Amino acid sequence: MQTAGLFLILALIALCGLCAVVFTLSLGFRRRVARLWTRAAQGPSAEDQGDRLPPAVRAFALRAGAEAGPGHLALVLTQAAELRRRRGGLFAPFRARQITALGEPGFVWQARRGFGPLTLLRVVDSFTAGEGRLEARLFGALTVARMNGVETTLGEAFRYLAELPWTPDAILGNPDLVWKMTADDEAEVKLNTRVGTARVVFRFDGHGDIVAMEARDRPASDPEGRPVRYDWRGRFGDYRQIGARRLPAYGEVGYVYPDGYEVYFRARVTDCRTAPGQGGGRG
């Protein structure tokens, strides 16, 4: 009995030690994400670029309720999202929040998959200060995926562009975006980064709403984890008033693989709020 009691005490000590390590790692990760979030929230104010936009693009932004001006820095979305990590896999549900800068390129997407109060997996995807990052942590502490570098940075620049229908204020107010009409119902937006140029083409429906997105050669990984480039597609729909903006409540994206197209991310936007603050300068 004494030996059993000793083993129980040692097991409890080890468990407490493990919990302390997990808590410390999780706290450090959350603090790092908070710094990225703050960076996205403290960029320059959106500056009205309406006179530089093609009429169809400007009309879309204004119909959505986009604003620009001093102190108008970021938009925060809440999402019910689903993501699959490999082709043909099951979609895993996440609750997510994303902050998107309005006067410069930048976003931070943080998602949590939980079981009650427990965090099973925390994922952060970001593009701030010209750098792209992706990291996933088990229990918010143990790293199971981490990506950065040239391909990740360029890939996140593509994501920033592709999600502009969810942040119409950035369409109106980000001077780094270069727009042109490529057809009567299509517009291309371009963003130059230190690692290359990201381009996305949006398609409008007869009402002037953006309903589809496509891009050529977005960075990706093949099943063995090697870097490749695939064409990329997405669609938007179910436009409605969400907070102070008229947005597509639904969006999805997927890659065009050598043997066909497959969606890997889909989400419904459940809330949209502006994040006003004291603007910084550009550069």
C-alpha atoms as a PDB file:
ATOM      1  CA  MET A   1       0.000   0.000   0.000  1.00  0.00           C
ATOM      2  CA  GLN A   2       2.829   2.388   0.846  1.00  0.00           C
ATOM      3  CA  THR A   3       4.466   1.699  -2.547  1.00  0.00           C
ATOM      4  CA  ALA A   4       1.189   2.299  -4.372  1.00  0.00           C
ATOM      5  CA  GLY A   5       0.703   5.544  -2.475  1.00  0.00           C
ATOM      6  CA  LEU A   6       4.215   6.671  -3.365  1.00  0.00           C
ATOM      7  CA  PHE A   7       3.636   5.947  -7.056  1.00  0.00           C
ATOM      8  CA  LEU A   8       0.367   7.900  -6.919  1.00  0.00           C
ATOM      9  CA  ILE A   9       2.110  10.902  -5.362  1.00  0.00           C
ATOM     10  CA  LEU A  10       4.891  10.776  -7.950  1.00  0.00           C
ATOM     11  CA  ALA A  11       2.319  10.516 -10.748  1.00  0.00           C
ATOM     12  CA  LEU A  12       0.458  13.546  -9.408  1.00  0.00           C
ATOM     13  CA  ILE A  13       3.700  15.512  -9.177  1.00  0.00           C
ATOM     14  CA  ALA A  14       4.592  14.579 -12.750  1.00  0.00           C
ATOM     15  CA  LEU A  15       1.094  15.524 -13.937  1.00  0.00           C
ATOM     16  CA  CYS A  16       1.284  18.888 -12.179  1.00  0.00           C
ATOM     17  CA  GLY A  17       4.683  19.494 -13.754  1.00  0.00           C
ATOM     18  CA  LEU A  18       3.359  18.637 -17.209  1.00  0.00           C
ATOM     19  CA  CYS A  19       0.373  20.941 -16.730  1.00  0.00           C
ATOM     20  CA  ALA A  20       2.724  23.745 -15.674  1.00  0.00           C
ATOM     21  CA  VAL A  21       4.841  23.265 -18.809  1.00  0.00           C
ATOM     22  CA  VAL A  22       1.755  23.231 -21.064  1.00  0.00           C
ATOM     23  CA  PHE A  23       0.402  26.358 -19.355  1.00  0.00           C
ATOM     24  CA  THR A  24       3.716  28.195 -19.710  1.00  0.00           C
ATOM     25  CA  LEU A  25       4.091  27.305 -23.397  1.00  0.00           C
ATOM     26  CA  SER A  26       0.470  28.191 -24.101  1.00  0.00           C
ATOM     27  CA  LEU A  27       0.796  31.533 -22.310  1.00  0.00           C
ATOM     28  CA  GLY A  28       3.927  32.396 -24.273  1.00  0.00           C
ATOM     29  CA  PHE A  29       2.207  31.532 -27.547  1.00  0.00           C
ATOM     30  CA  ARG A  30      -0.859  33.615 -26.704  1.00  0.00           C
ATOM     31  CA  ARG A  31       1.348  36.587 -25.841  1.00  0.00           C
ATOM     32  CA  ARG A  32       3.175  36.293 -29.162  1.00  0.00           C
ATOM     33  CA  VAL A  33      -0.126  36.155 -31.031  1.00  0.00           C
ATOM     34  CA  ALA A  34      -1.316  39.186 -29.067  1.00  0.00           C
ATOM     35  CA  ARG A  35       1.721  41.131 -30.290  1.00  0.00           C
ATOM     36  CA  LEU A  36       0.907  40.202 -33.893  1.00  0.00           C
ATOM     37  CA  TRP A  37      -2.706  41.245 -33.315  1.00  0.00           C
ATOM     38  CA  THR A  38      -1.594  44.588 -31.906  1.00  0.00           C
ATOM     39  CA  ARG A  39       0.707  45.129 -34.884  1.00  0.00           C
ATOM     40  CA  ALA A  40      -2.190  44.583 -37.290  1.00  0.00           C
ATOM     41  CA  ALA A  41      -4.392  46.931 -35.257  1.00  0.00           C
ATOM     42  CA  GLN A  42      -1.904  49.804 -35.108  1.00  0.00           C
ATOM     43  CA  GLY A  43      -0.999  50.384 -38.726  1.00  0.00           C
ATOM     44  CA  PRO A  44      -1.785  53.506 -40.717  1.00  0.00           C
ATOM     45  CA  SER A  45      -5.328  54.771 -41.104  1.00  0.00           C
ATOM     46  CA  ALA A  46      -7.245  53.863 -44.235  1.00  0.00           C
ATOM     47  CA  GLU A  47      -7.003  56.666 -46.797  1.00  0.00           C
ATOM     48  CA  ASP A  48      -9.830  57.041 -49.289  1.00  0.00           C
ATOM     49  CA  GLN A  49      -8.564  55.680 -52.628  1.00  0.00           C
ATOM     50  CA  GLY A  50     -11.928  55.917 -54.334  1.00  0.00           C
ATOM     51  CA  ASP A  51     -10.693  58.035 -57.216  1.00  0.00           C
ATOM     52  CA  ARG A  52      -8.048  55.393 -58.060  1.00  0.00           C
ATOM     53  CA  LEU A  53     -10.474  52.453 -58.112  1.00  0.00           C
ATOM     54  CA  PRO A  54     -12.354  51.089 -61.125  1.00  0.00           C
ATOM     55  CA  PRO A  55     -16.023  52.124 -60.821  1.00  0.00           C
ATOM     56  CA  ALA A  56     -17.251  48.555 -60.222  1.00  0.00           C
ATOM     57  CA  VAL A  57     -14.732  48.032 -57.406  1.00  0.00           C
ATOM     58  CA  ARG A  58     -15.515  51.384 -55.793  1.00  0.00           C
ATOM     59  CA  ALA A  59     -19.257  50.710 -56.013  1.00  0.00           C
ATOM     60  CA  PHE A  60     -18.811  47.329 -54.342  1.00  0.00           C
ATOM     61  CA  ALA A  61     -16.885  48.852 -51.418  1.00  0.00           C
ATOM     62  CA  LEU A  62     -19.315  51.711 -50.888  1.00  0.00           C
ATOM     63  CA  ARG A  63     -22.375  49.448 -51.110  1.00  0.00           C
ATOM     64  CA  ALA A  64     -20.786  47.330 -48.388  1.00  0.00           C
ATOM     65  CA  GLY A  65     -20.545  50.382 -46.120  1.00  0.00           C
ATOM     66  CA  ALA A  66     -16.761  50.803 -46.353  1.00  0.00           C
ATOM     67  CA  GLU A  67     -15.226  53.802 -44.591  1.00  0.00           C
ATOM     68  CA  ALA A  68     -11.845  55.515 -44.643  1.00  0.00           C
ATOM     69  CA  GLY A  69     -10.349  58.274 -42.556  1.00  0.00           C
ATOM     70  CA  PRO A  70      -8.203  59.088 -39.495  1.00  0.00           C
ATOM     71  CA  GLY A  71      -8.248  56.387 -36.846  1.00  0.00           C
ATOM     72  CA  HIS A  72      -9.906  53.843 -39.131  1.00  0.00           C
ATOM     73  CA  LEU A  73      -7.319  51.092 -38.783  1.00  0.00           C
ATOM     74  CA  ALA A  74      -8.713  47.563 -38.792  1.00  0.00           C
ATOM     75  CA  LEU A  75     -11.767  45.340 -39.109  1.00  0.00           C
ATOM     76  CA  VAL A  76     -12.402  42.346 -36.835  1.00  0.00           C
ATOM     77  CA  LEU A  77     -14.402  39.332 -38.055  1.00  0.00           C
ATOM     78  CA  THR A  78     -15.758  36.386 -36.089  1.00  0.00           C
ATOM     79  CA  GLN A  79     -16.135  33.138 -38.012  1.00  0.00           C
ATOM     80  CA  ALA A  80     -17.500  29.638 -37.712  1.00  0.00           C
ATOM     81  CA  ALA A  81     -14.854  27.954 -39.852  1.00  0.00           C
ATOM     82  CA  GLU A  82     -14.026  24.473 -41.126  1.00  0.00           C
ATOM     83  CA  LEU A  83     -10.598  23.329 -42.241  1.00  0.00           C
ATOM     84  CA  ARG A  84      -9.098  20.086 -43.484  1.00  0.00           C
ATOM     85  CA  ARG A  85      -5.375  19.453 -43.230  1.00  0.00           C
ATOM     86  CA  ARG A  86      -5.032  16.961 -46.069  1.00  0.00           C
ATOM     87  CA  ARG A  87      -6.763  16.150 -49.333  1.00  0.00           C
ATOM     88  CA  GLY A  88      -9.871  14.076 -48.937  1.00  0.00           C
ATOM     89  CA  GLY A  89      -9.806  14.478 -45.157  1.00  0.00           C
ATOM     90  CA  LEU A  90     -12.688  15.422 -42.920  1.00  0.00           C
ATOM     91  CA  PHE A  91     -13.410  19.049 -42.173  1.00  0.00           C
ATOM     92  CA  ALA A  92     -12.609  20.044 -38.585  1.00  0.00           C
ATOM     93  CA  PRO A  93     -14.704  22.842 -37.042  1.00  0.00           C
ATOM     94  CA  PHE A  94     -13.028  25.906 -35.516  1.00  0.00           C
ATOM     95  CA  ARG A  95     -14.151  29.115 -33.901  1.00  0.00           C
ATOM     96  CA  ALA A  96     -12.066  31.944 -35.334  1.00  0.00           C
ATOM     97  CA  ARG A  97     -11.415  35.658 -35.066  1.00  0.00           C
ATOM     98  CA  GLN A  98      -9.519  37.689 -37.622  1.00  0.00           C
ATOM     99  CA  ILE A  99      -8.220  41.230 -37.576  1.00  0.00           C
ATOM    100  CA  THR A 100      -7.411  42.801 -40.946  1.00  0.00           C
ATOM    101  CA  ALA A 101      -5.475  46.024 -41.394  1.00  0.00           C
ATOM    102  CA  LEU A 102      -7.155  48.626 -43.591  1.00  0.00           C
ATOM    103  CA  GLY A 103      -4.436  51.154 -44.470  1.00  0.00           C
ATOM    104  CA  GLU A 104      -1.726  48.593 -45.247  1.00  0.00           C
ATOM    105  CA  PRO A 105      -1.603  44.850 -46.026  1.00  0.00           C
ATOM    106  CA  GLY A 106      -1.920  42.744 -42.890  1.00  0.00           C
ATOM    107  CA  PHE A 107      -4.085  40.259 -41.013  1.00  0.00           C
ATOM    108  CA  VAL A 108      -4.006  37.836 -38.090  1.00  0.00           C
ATOM    109  CA  TRP A 109      -6.369  34.842 -38.062  1.00  0.00           C
ATOM    110  CA  GLN A 110      -6.532  32.881 -34.832  1.00  0.00           C
ATOM    111  CA  ALA A 111      -8.704  29.797 -34.581  1.00  0.00           C
ATOM    112  CA  ARG A 112      -9.497  27.416 -31.751  1.00  0.00           C
ATOM    113  CA  ARG A 113     -10.822  23.904 -31.816  1.00  0.00           C
ATOM    114  CA  GLY A 114     -11.979  22.962 -28.370  1.00  0.00           C
ATOM    115  CA  PHE A 115     -13.880  20.508 -26.247  1.00  0.00           C
ATOM    116  CA  GLY A 116     -15.824  22.539 -23.718  1.00  0.00           C
ATOM    117  CA  PRO A 117     -13.348  24.821 -21.953  1.00  0.00           C
ATOM    118  CA  LEU A 118     -10.360  22.790 -23.192  1.00  0.00           C
ATOM    119  CA  THR A 119      -8.349  23.905 -26.216  1.00  0.00           C
ATOM    120  CA  LEU A 120      -7.456  20.892 -28.349  1.00  0.00           C
ATOM    121  CA  LEU A 121      -5.813  22.825 -31.179  1.00  0.00           C
ATOM    122  CA  ARG A 122      -4.994  26.487 -31.739  1.00  0.00           C
ATOM    123  CA  VAL A 123      -4.042  27.753 -35.203  1.00  0.00           C
ATOM    124  CA  VAL A 124      -2.629  31.157 -36.125  1.00  0.00           C
ATOM    125  CA  ASP A 125      -2.243  32.385 -39.701  1.00  0.00           C
ATOM    126  CA  SER A 126      -0.820  35.866 -40.231  1.00  0.00           C
ATOM    127  CA  PHE A 127       0.694  38.442 -42.538  1.00  0.00           C
ATOM    128  CA  THR A 128       2.155  41.389 -40.637  1.00  0.00           C
ATOM    129  CA  ALA A 129       5.020  43.786 -41.394  1.00  0.00           C
ATOM    130  CA  GLY A 130       5.497  41.996 -44.725  1.00  0.00           C
ATOM    131  CA  GLU A 131       6.062  38.561 -43.114  1.00  0.00           C
ATOM    132  CA  GLY A 132       3.814  35.518 -43.376  1.00  0.00           C
ATOM    133  CA  ARG A 133       3.513  32.879 -40.661  1.00  0.00           C
ATOM    134  CA  LEU A 134       1.407  29.818 -39.920  1.00  0.00           C
ATOM    135  CA  GLU A 135       1.552  27.859 -36.690  1.00  0.00           C
ATOM    136  CA  ALA A 136      -0.628  25.170 -35.095  1.00  0.00           C
ATOM    137  CA  ARG A 137      -0.286  24.046 -31.483  1.00  0.00           C
ATOM    138  CA  LEU A 138      -1.832  21.105 -29.675  1.00  0.00           C
ATOM    139  CA  PHE A 139      -3.478  22.296 -26.450  1.00  0.00           C
ATOM    140  CA  GLY A 140      -2.248  25.733 -27.497  1.00  0.00           C
ATOM    141  CA  ALA A 141       1.249  24.682 -26.391  1.00  0.00           C
ATOM    142  CA  LEU A 142       2.871  21.855 -28.364  1.00  0.00           C
ATOM    143  CA  THR A 143       3.864  22.804 -31.918  1.00  0.00           C
ATOM    144  CA  VAL A 144       2.480  20.430 -34.556  1.00  0.00           C
ATOM    145  CA  ALA A 145       2.979  22.704 -37.592  1.00  0.00           C
ATOM    146  CA  ARG A 146       5.054  25.805 -38.266  1.00  0.00           C
ATOM    147  CA  MET A 147       5.656  27.576 -41.564  1.00  0.00           C
ATOM    148  CA  ASN A 148       7.421  30.812 -42.482  1.00  0.00           C
ATOM    149  CA  GLY A 149       9.837  32.053 -45.120  1.00  0.00           C
ATOM    150  CA  VAL A 150       9.457  33.170 -48.722  1.00  0.00           C
ATOM    151  CA  GLU A 151       6.735  30.755 -49.871  1.00  0.00           C
ATOM    152  CA  THR A 152       4.647  31.246 -46.741  1.00  0.00           C
ATOM    153  CA  THR A 153       4.948  35.026 -46.953  1.00  0.00           C
ATOM    154  CA  LEU A 154       3.823  35.095 -50.576  1.00  0.00           C
ATOM    155  CA  GLY A 155       1.009  32.653 -49.835  1.00  0.00           C
ATOM    156  CA  GLU A 156      -0.287  34.857 -47.017  1.00  0.00           C
ATOM    157  CA  ALA A 157      -0.195  37.885 -49.326  1.00  0.00           C
ATOM    158  CA  PHE A 158      -2.488  35.931 -51.665  1.00  0.00           C
ATOM    159  CA  ARG A 159      -4.804  35.201 -48.737  1.00  0.00           C
ATOM    160  CA  TYR A 160      -4.944  38.879 -47.769  1.00  0.00           C
ATOM    161  CA  LEU A 161      -6.076  39.752 -51.297  1.00  0.00           C
ATOM    162  CA  ALA A 162      -8.546  36.884 -51.621  1.00  0.00           C
ATOM    163  CA  GLU A 163     -10.412  37.923 -48.476  1.00  0.00           C
ATOM    164  CA  LEU A 164     -10.904  41.562 -49.464  1.00  0.00           C
ATOM    165  CA  PRO A 165     -14.662  41.002 -50.026  1.00  0.00           C
ATOM    166  CA  TRP A 166     -14.811  40.459 -46.239  1.00  0.00           C
ATOM    167  CA  THR A 167     -12.914  43.720 -45.603  1.00  0.00           C
ATOM    168  CA  PRO A 168     -14.333  46.283 -48.040  1.00  0.00           C
ATOM    169  CA  ASP A 169     -12.735  49.116 -46.041  1.00  0.00           C
ATOM    170  CA  ALA A 170      -9.325  47.848 -47.194  1.00  0.00           C
ATOM    171  CA  ILE A 171     -10.550  47.918 -50.797  1.00  0.00           C
ATOM    172  CA  LEU A 172     -11.424  51.573 -50.325  1.00  0.00           C
ATOM    173  CA  GLY A 173      -8.525  52.590 -48.121  1.00  0.00           C
ATOM    174  CA  ASN A 174      -5.320  50.606 -48.794  1.00  0.00           C
ATOM    175  CA  PRO A 175      -3.033  52.529 -51.202  1.00  0.00           C
ATOM    176  CA  ASP A 176      -0.754  49.492 -51.657  1.00  0.00           C
ATOM    177  CA  LEU A 177      -3.418  47.723 -53.717  1.00  0.00           C
ATOM    178  CA  VAL A 178      -3.356  48.129 -57.492  1.00  0.00           C
ATOM    179  CA  TRP A 179      -6.657  47.462 -59.258  1.00  0.00           C
ATOM    180  CA  LYS A 180      -7.641  47.090 -62.910  1.00  0.00           C
ATOM    181  CA  MET A 181     -10.621  45.706 -64.782  1.00  0.00           C
ATOM    182  CA  THR A 182      -9.752  42.631 -66.853  1.00  0.00           C
ATOM    183  CA  ALA A 183     -13.280  42.134 -68.244  1.00  0.00           C
ATOM    184  CA  ASP A 184     -16.681  43.755 -67.852  1.00  0.00           C
ATOM    185  CA  ASP A 185     -17.368  41.536 -64.838  1.00  0.00           C
ATOM    186  CA  GLU A 186     -13.813  40.890 -63.577  1.00  0.00           C
ATOM    187  CA  ALA A 187     -11.258  42.938 -61.651  1.00  0.00           C
ATOM    188  CA  GLU A 188      -7.659  42.104 -60.783  1.00  0.00           C
ATOM    189  CA  VAL A 189      -5.976  43.326 -57.605  1.00  0.00           C
ATOM    190  CA  LYS A 190      -2.188  43.232 -57.264  1.00  0.00           C
ATOM    191  CA  LEU A 191       0.083  43.525 -54.237  1.00  0.00           C
ATOM    192  CA  ASN A 192       3.858  43.821 -54.489  1.00  0.00           C
ATOM    193  CA  THR A 193       5.806  42.271 -51.608  1.00  0.00           C
ATOM    194  CA  ARG A 194       9.509  41.823 -50.881  1.00  0.00           C
ATOM    195  CA  VAL A 195       9.238  38.182 -52.036  1.00  0.00           C
ATOM    196  CA  GLY A 196       7.167  38.655 -55.173  1.00  0.00           C
ATOM    197  CA  THR A 197       3.836  39.834 -56.516  1.00  0.00           C
ATOM    198  CA  ALA A 198       0.469  38.390 -55.515  1.00  0.00           C
ATOM    199  CA  ARG A 199      -2.454  38.745 -57.934  1.00  0.00           C
ATOM    200  CA  VAL A 200      -6.086  37.778 -57.490  1.00  0.00           C
ATOM    201  CA  VAL A 201      -8.987  38.153 -59.927  1.00  0.00           C
ATOM    202  CA  PHE A 202     -12.535  38.696 -58.650  1.00  0.00           C
ATOM    203  CA  ARG A 203     -15.711  38.052 -60.624  1.00  0.00           C
ATOM    204  CA  PHE A 204     -18.848  40.147 -60.127  1.00  0.00           C
ATOM    205  CA  ASP A 205     -22.427  38.998 -60.622  1.00  0.00           C
ATOM    206  CA  GLY A 206     -25.153  41.038 -62.288  1.00  0.00           C
ATOM    207  CA  HIS A 207     -25.846  42.912 -59.029  1.00  0.00           C
ATOM    208  CA  GLY A 208     -22.228  44.019 -58.659  1.00  0.00           C
ATOM    209  CA  ASP A 209     -21.404  41.581 -55.831  1.00  0.00           C
ATOM    210  CA  ILE A 210     -18.146  39.607 -55.807  1.00  0.00           C
ATOM    211  CA  VAL A 211     -19.052  35.931 -56.117  1.00  0.00           C
ATOM    212  CA  ALA A 212     -15.800  34.238 -57.167  1.00  0.00           C
ATOM    213  CA  MET A 213     -12.037  34.519 -56.839  1.00  0.00           C
ATOM    214  CA  GLU A 214      -9.179  32.897 -58.714  1.00  0.00           C
ATOM    215  CA  ALA A 215      -5.401  33.174 -58.746  1.00  0.00           C
ATOM    216  CA  ARG A 216      -2.532  31.543 -60.599  1.00  0.00           C
ATOM    217  CA  ASP A 217       0.382  29.737 -58.943  1.00  0.00           C
ATOM    218  CA  ARG A 218      -0.271  30.254 -55.251  1.00  0.00           C
ATOM    219  CA  PRO A 219       2.381  28.597 -53.025  1.00  0.00           C
ATOM    220  CA  ALA A 220       1.259  25.286 -51.536  1.00  0.00           C
ATOM    221  CA  SER A 221       2.658  21.920 -50.405  1.00  0.00           C
ATOM    222  CA  ASP A 222       2.323  18.538 -52.097  1.00  0.00           C
ATOM    223  CA  PRO A 223       1.375  15.391 -50.103  1.00  0.00           C
ATOM    224  CA  GLU A 224       5.060  14.885 -49.212  1.00  0.00           C
ATOM    225  CA  GLY A 225       5.326  18.429 -47.874  1.00  0.00           C
ATOM    226  CA  ARG A 226       7.400  19.755 -50.781  1.00  0.00           C
ATOM    227  CA  PRO A 227       6.732  23.321 -51.995  1.00  0.00           C
ATOM    228  CA  VAL A 228       4.651  23.549 -55.160  1.00  0.00           C
ATOM    229  CA  ARG A 229       2.471  26.122 -56.897  1.00  0.00           C
ATOM    230  CA  TYR A 230      -1.207  25.461 -57.635  1.00  0.00           C
ATOM    231  CA  ASP A 231      -3.965  27.578 -59.101  1.00  0.00           C
ATOM    232  CA  TRP A 232      -6.380  28.710 -56.409  1.00  0.00           C
ATOM    233  CA  ARG A 233     -10.109  29.346 -56.455  1.00  0.00           C
ATOM    234  CA  GLY A 234     -12.840  30.495 -54.135  1.00  0.00           C
ATOM    235  CA  ARG A 235     -16.408  31.683 -54.006  1.00  0.00           C
ATOM    236  CA  PHE A 236     -18.508  34.037 -51.883  1.00  0.00           C
ATOM    237  CA  GLY A 237     -22.240  34.187 -51.295  1.00  0.00           C
ATOM    238  CA  ASP A 238     -25.193  34.877 -49.006  1.00  0.00           C
ATOM    239  CA  TYR A 239     -24.673  38.632 -48.842  1.00  0.00           C
ATOM    240  CA  ARG A 240     -26.301  40.205 -45.809  1.00  0.00           C
ATOM    241  CA  GLN A 241     -25.887  42.937 -43.205  1.00  0.00           C
ATOM    242  CA  ILE A 242     -23.346  41.818 -40.599  1.00  0.00           C
ATOM    243  CA  GLY A 243     -22.703  44.517 -38.038  1.00  0.00           C
ATOM    244  CA  ALA A 244     -22.169  47.781 -39.899  1.00  0.00           C
ATOM    245  CA  ARG A 245     -21.122  46.108 -43.169  1.00  0.00           C
ATOM    246  CA  ARG A 246     -22.889  44.306 -45.971  1.00  0.00           C
ATOM    247  CA  LEU A 247     -20.712  41.220 -46.485  1.00  0.00           C
ATOM    248  CA  PRO A 248     -20.817  37.741 -48.000  1.00  0.00           C
ATOM    249  CA  ALA A 249     -21.708  35.593 -45.008  1.00  0.00           C
ATOM    250  CA  TYR A 250     -20.168  32.524 -46.677  1.00  0.00           C
ATOM    251  CA  GLY A 251     -16.817  31.950 -48.333  1.00  0.00           C
ATOM    252  CA  GLU A 252     -14.658  28.997 -49.353  1.00  0.00           C
ATOM    253  CA  VAL A 253     -11.331  28.393 -51.079  1.00  0.00           C
ATOM    254  CA  GLY A 254      -9.534  25.436 -52.599  1.00  0.00           C
ATOM    255  CA  TYR A 255      -6.659  24.430 -54.843  1.00  0.00           C
ATOM    256  CA  VAL A 256      -6.760  23.155 -58.407  1.00  0.00           C
ATOM    257  CA  TYR A 257      -4.664  20.007 -57.987  1.00  0.00           C
ATOM    258  CA  PRO A 258      -3.297  18.045 -60.957  1.00  0.00           C
ATOM    259  CA  ASP A 259      -6.327  15.746 -60.740  1.00  0.00           C
ATOM    260  CA  GLY A 260      -8.991  18.327 -59.925  1.00  0.00           C
ATOM    261  CA  TYR A 261     -10.298  21.047 -57.626  1.00  0.00           C
ATOM    262  CA  GLU A 262     -10.932  20.559 -53.914  1.00  0.00           C
ATOM    263  CA  VAL A 263     -12.052  22.962 -51.174  1.00  0.00           C
ATOM    264  CA  TYR A 264      -9.964  22.927 -47.987  1.00  0.00           C
ATOM    265  CA  PHE A 265     -11.370  25.940 -46.093  1.00  0.00           C
ATOM    266  CA  ARG A 266     -14.873  27.288 -45.665  1.00  0.00           C
ATOM    267  CA  ALA A 267     -16.346  29.736 -43.200  1.00  0.00           C
ATOM    268  CA  ARG A 268     -19.401  31.707 -42.218  1.00  0.00           C
ATOM    269  CA  VAL A 269     -18.912  35.219 -40.877  1.00  0.00           C
ATOM    270  CA  THR A 270     -20.997  35.733 -37.743  1.00  0.00           C
ATOM    271  CA  ASP A 271     -19.858  39.197 -36.643  1.00  0.00           C
ATOM    272  CA  CYS A 272     -17.996  42.214 -38.030  1.00  0.00           C
ATOM    273  CA  ARG A 273     -16.695  45.178 -36.033  1.00  0.00           C
ATOM    274  CA  THR A 274     -14.365  48.063 -36.674  1.00  0.00           C
ATOM    275  CA  ALA A 275     -11.306  48.385 -34.450  1.00  0.00           C
ATOM    276  CA  PRO A 276     -10.651  52.138 -34.245  1.00  0.00           C
ATOM    277  CA  GLY A 277      -7.546  53.544 -32.599  1.00  0.00           C
ATOM    278  CA  GLN A 278      -4.695  55.958 -32.922  1.00  0.00           C
ATOM    279  CA  GLY A 279      -3.217  55.692 -36.402  1.00  0.00           C
ATOM    280  CA  GLY A 280       0.460  55.338 -37.127  1.00  0.00           C
ATOM    281  CA  GLY A 281       2.467  56.521 -40.101  1.00  0.00           C
ATOM    282  CA  ARG A 282       3.226  54.509 -43.166  1.00  0.00           C
ATOM    283  CA  GLY A 283       6.523  52.718 -43.442  1.00  0.00           C
END
